[in-house]
């Protein structure tokens, strides 16, 4: 399960890089649209901050300190800046999950959520689904901003491990 989670998270982060690259300029990821609460750029920062905190810092001890509020207030970063953030998240996820002891999946996740404890396996699965959910929102945002109906080729089955 650990290998599969690592593969899916890295695949979808690579898909996020492709989505960002398809915006036509540095302003487009930050464009707000009627009826949408977030821009593609804000969602990209939210995803990278989320993974760097919950995977990198909490499970991998990277020392990353998250500022969740800034993820949704930020703007004006270039596409190259966003890509660098995604690359940092990819490095944190890759290093952490490569080094994680598979037995840790059966332990409680290190942080409580309110008064609840959840298992590490379930929480990592939740993070993967959360990433894919927002990746779809970014895809729709990009298409609406650009008018380009072409997809970015994200969530490909060919990137999954063979049986």
Protein backbone atom coordinates (compact mmCIF):
# COMPACT_ATOMS: atom_id res chain seq x y z
CA UNK A 1 0.00 0.00 0.00
CA UNK A 2 2.86 2.39 0.75
CA UNK A 3 4.34 2.00 -2.72
CA UNK A 4 0.96 2.65 -4.32
CA UNK A 5 0.27 5.74 -2.18
CA UNK A 6 3.69 7.14 -3.05
CA UNK A 7 3.10 6.48 -6.76
CA UNK A 8 -0.35 8.11 -6.79
CA UNK A 9 0.73 11.17 -4.82
CA UNK A 10 3.77 11.76 -7.02
CA UNK A 11 1.75 11.11 -10.20
CA UNK A 12 -0.86 13.66 -9.20
CA UNK A 13 1.73 16.23 -8.14
CA UNK A 14 3.34 15.81 -11.56
CA UNK A 15 -0.13 16.37 -13.03
CA UNK A 16 -0.36 19.57 -10.98
CA UNK A 17 2.90 20.73 -12.56
CA UNK A 18 1.41 20.11 -16.02
CA UNK A 19 -1.75 22.04 -15.13
CA UNK A 20 0.27 25.03 -13.93
CA UNK A 21 2.41 24.97 -17.07
CA UNK A 22 -0.71 25.13 -19.26
CA UNK A 23 -1.82 28.48 -17.87
CA UNK A 24 -0.88 31.01 -20.57
CA UNK A 25 0.77 33.58 -18.29
CA UNK A 26 1.63 34.29 -14.65
CA UNK A 27 -1.62 36.15 -13.98
CA UNK A 28 -4.00 33.40 -15.14
CA UNK A 29 -3.56 30.98 -12.19
CA UNK A 30 -4.69 33.77 -9.82
CA UNK A 31 -7.73 34.90 -11.76
CA UNK A 32 -10.91 34.69 -9.72
CA UNK A 33 -14.05 33.49 -11.48
CA UNK A 34 -17.69 34.02 -10.49
CA UNK A 35 -18.99 31.14 -8.41
CA UNK A 36 -15.53 29.76 -7.58
CA UNK A 37 -14.16 30.44 -4.09
CA UNK A 38 -10.49 29.86 -5.00
CA UNK A 39 -8.08 30.44 -7.84
CA UNK A 40 -5.96 27.67 -9.33
CA UNK A 41 -2.86 29.28 -7.83
CA UNK A 42 -4.33 29.30 -4.33
CA UNK A 43 -5.37 25.66 -4.67
CA UNK A 44 -1.86 24.74 -5.84
CA UNK A 45 -0.37 26.42 -2.76
CA UNK A 46 -2.97 24.76 -0.55
CA UNK A 47 -2.07 21.32 -1.91
CA UNK A 48 1.67 21.81 -1.57
CA UNK A 49 1.35 23.25 1.94
CA UNK A 50 -0.97 20.43 2.95
CA UNK A 51 1.38 17.67 1.77
CA UNK A 52 4.53 19.33 3.01
CA UNK A 53 2.95 19.67 6.45
CA UNK A 54 1.13 16.36 6.86
CA UNK A 55 3.59 14.11 5.04
CA UNK A 56 6.92 15.93 5.06
CA UNK A 57 6.90 17.61 8.46
CA UNK A 58 4.73 15.24 10.51
CA UNK A 59 5.90 11.90 9.12
CA UNK A 60 9.29 12.87 7.66
CA UNK A 61 10.54 15.43 10.15
CA UNK A 62 11.43 18.00 7.47
CA UNK A 63 10.82 21.00 9.72
CA UNK A 64 8.42 22.60 7.25
CA UNK A 65 6.11 25.11 8.96
CA UNK A 66 2.76 25.61 7.30
CA UNK A 67 0.89 28.90 7.00
CA UNK A 68 -2.52 27.70 5.79
CA UNK A 69 -4.06 31.18 5.77
CA UNK A 70 -1.34 32.43 3.41
CA UNK A 71 -2.12 29.62 0.98
CA UNK A 72 -5.46 31.28 0.28
CA UNK A 73 -4.29 34.90 0.50
CA UNK A 74 -1.29 34.52 -1.76
CA UNK A 75 -1.23 35.79 -5.28
CA UNK A 76 1.18 37.13 -7.77
CA UNK A 77 3.58 34.23 -7.68
CA UNK A 78 4.80 33.24 -11.11
CA UNK A 79 4.12 29.88 -12.69
CA UNK A 80 7.80 29.10 -12.07
CA UNK A 81 7.32 29.92 -8.36
CA UNK A 82 4.29 27.61 -8.21
CA UNK A 83 6.21 24.88 -10.01
CA UNK A 84 9.04 25.21 -7.48
CA UNK A 85 6.53 24.78 -4.64
CA UNK A 86 5.17 21.63 -6.28
CA UNK A 87 8.70 20.28 -6.74
CA UNK A 88 9.42 20.88 -3.04
CA UNK A 89 6.24 19.01 -2.10
CA UNK A 90 7.20 16.17 -4.43
CA UNK A 91 10.63 15.91 -2.82
CA UNK A 92 9.12 15.86 0.69
CA UNK A 93 6.55 13.22 -0.26
CA UNK A 94 9.07 11.08 -2.13
CA UNK A 95 11.73 11.13 0.61
CA UNK A 96 9.25 10.62 3.43
CA UNK A 97 7.29 7.76 1.90
CA UNK A 98 10.45 6.06 0.62
CA UNK A 99 11.82 6.01 4.17
CA UNK A 100 8.58 5.27 6.01
CA UNK A 101 8.42 1.92 7.75
CA UNK A 102 5.40 0.05 6.34
CA UNK A 103 4.43 -0.86 9.90
CA UNK A 104 3.75 2.83 10.57
CA UNK A 105 0.71 2.58 8.30
CA UNK A 106 -0.99 0.53 11.01
CA UNK A 107 -0.27 3.11 13.73
CA UNK A 108 -2.28 6.20 14.61
CA UNK A 109 -1.30 9.29 12.63
CA UNK A 110 0.94 11.48 14.87
CA UNK A 111 -1.49 14.42 15.08
CA UNK A 112 -4.99 14.26 16.50
CA UNK A 113 -7.79 15.96 14.58
CA UNK A 114 -9.87 17.62 17.25
CA UNK A 115 -10.64 14.85 19.71
CA UNK A 116 -10.13 12.09 17.11
CA UNK A 117 -7.19 9.93 16.17
CA UNK A 118 -7.09 8.38 12.69
CA UNK A 119 -4.85 5.67 11.32
CA UNK A 120 -1.85 6.67 9.24
CA UNK A 121 -2.92 4.46 6.31
CA UNK A 122 -6.40 5.99 6.21
CA UNK A 123 -5.01 9.51 6.54
CA UNK A 124 -2.50 9.04 3.71
CA UNK A 125 -5.33 7.72 1.55
CA UNK A 126 -7.38 10.78 2.52
CA UNK A 127 -4.48 13.05 1.47
CA UNK A 128 -4.27 11.34 -1.92
CA UNK A 129 -8.01 11.78 -2.51
CA UNK A 130 -7.82 15.40 -1.32
CA UNK A 131 -5.03 16.07 -3.82
CA UNK A 132 -6.98 14.55 -6.70
CA UNK A 133 -10.16 16.41 -5.74
CA UNK A 134 -8.42 19.78 -5.88
CA UNK A 135 -6.46 18.78 -8.99
CA UNK A 136 -9.80 18.41 -10.76
CA UNK A 137 -10.85 21.85 -9.54
CA UNK A 138 -7.61 23.34 -10.87
CA UNK A 139 -8.21 21.65 -14.22
CA UNK A 140 -11.68 23.23 -14.46
CA UNK A 141 -10.34 26.60 -13.34
CA UNK A 142 -7.61 26.50 -16.00
CA UNK A 143 -10.06 25.50 -18.72
CA UNK A 144 -12.50 28.26 -17.72
CA UNK A 145 -9.76 30.91 -17.57
CA UNK A 146 -8.12 29.93 -20.84
CA UNK A 147 -11.03 28.61 -22.87
CA UNK A 148 -8.84 25.59 -23.67
CA UNK A 149 -10.85 22.38 -23.35
CA UNK A 150 -7.78 20.14 -23.68
CA UNK A 151 -6.82 18.15 -20.63
CA UNK A 152 -3.37 18.02 -19.07
CA UNK A 153 -3.18 14.23 -19.07
CA UNK A 154 -3.42 13.88 -15.31
CA UNK A 155 -4.33 10.75 -13.29
CA UNK A 156 -3.10 8.33 -15.94
CA UNK A 157 -3.45 4.61 -15.25
CA UNK A 158 -0.20 3.93 -17.09
CA UNK A 159 1.71 5.42 -14.17
CA UNK A 160 0.34 2.86 -11.70
CA UNK A 161 2.51 -0.15 -10.79
CA UNK A 162 1.88 -3.39 -12.64
CA UNK A 163 0.02 -6.17 -10.83
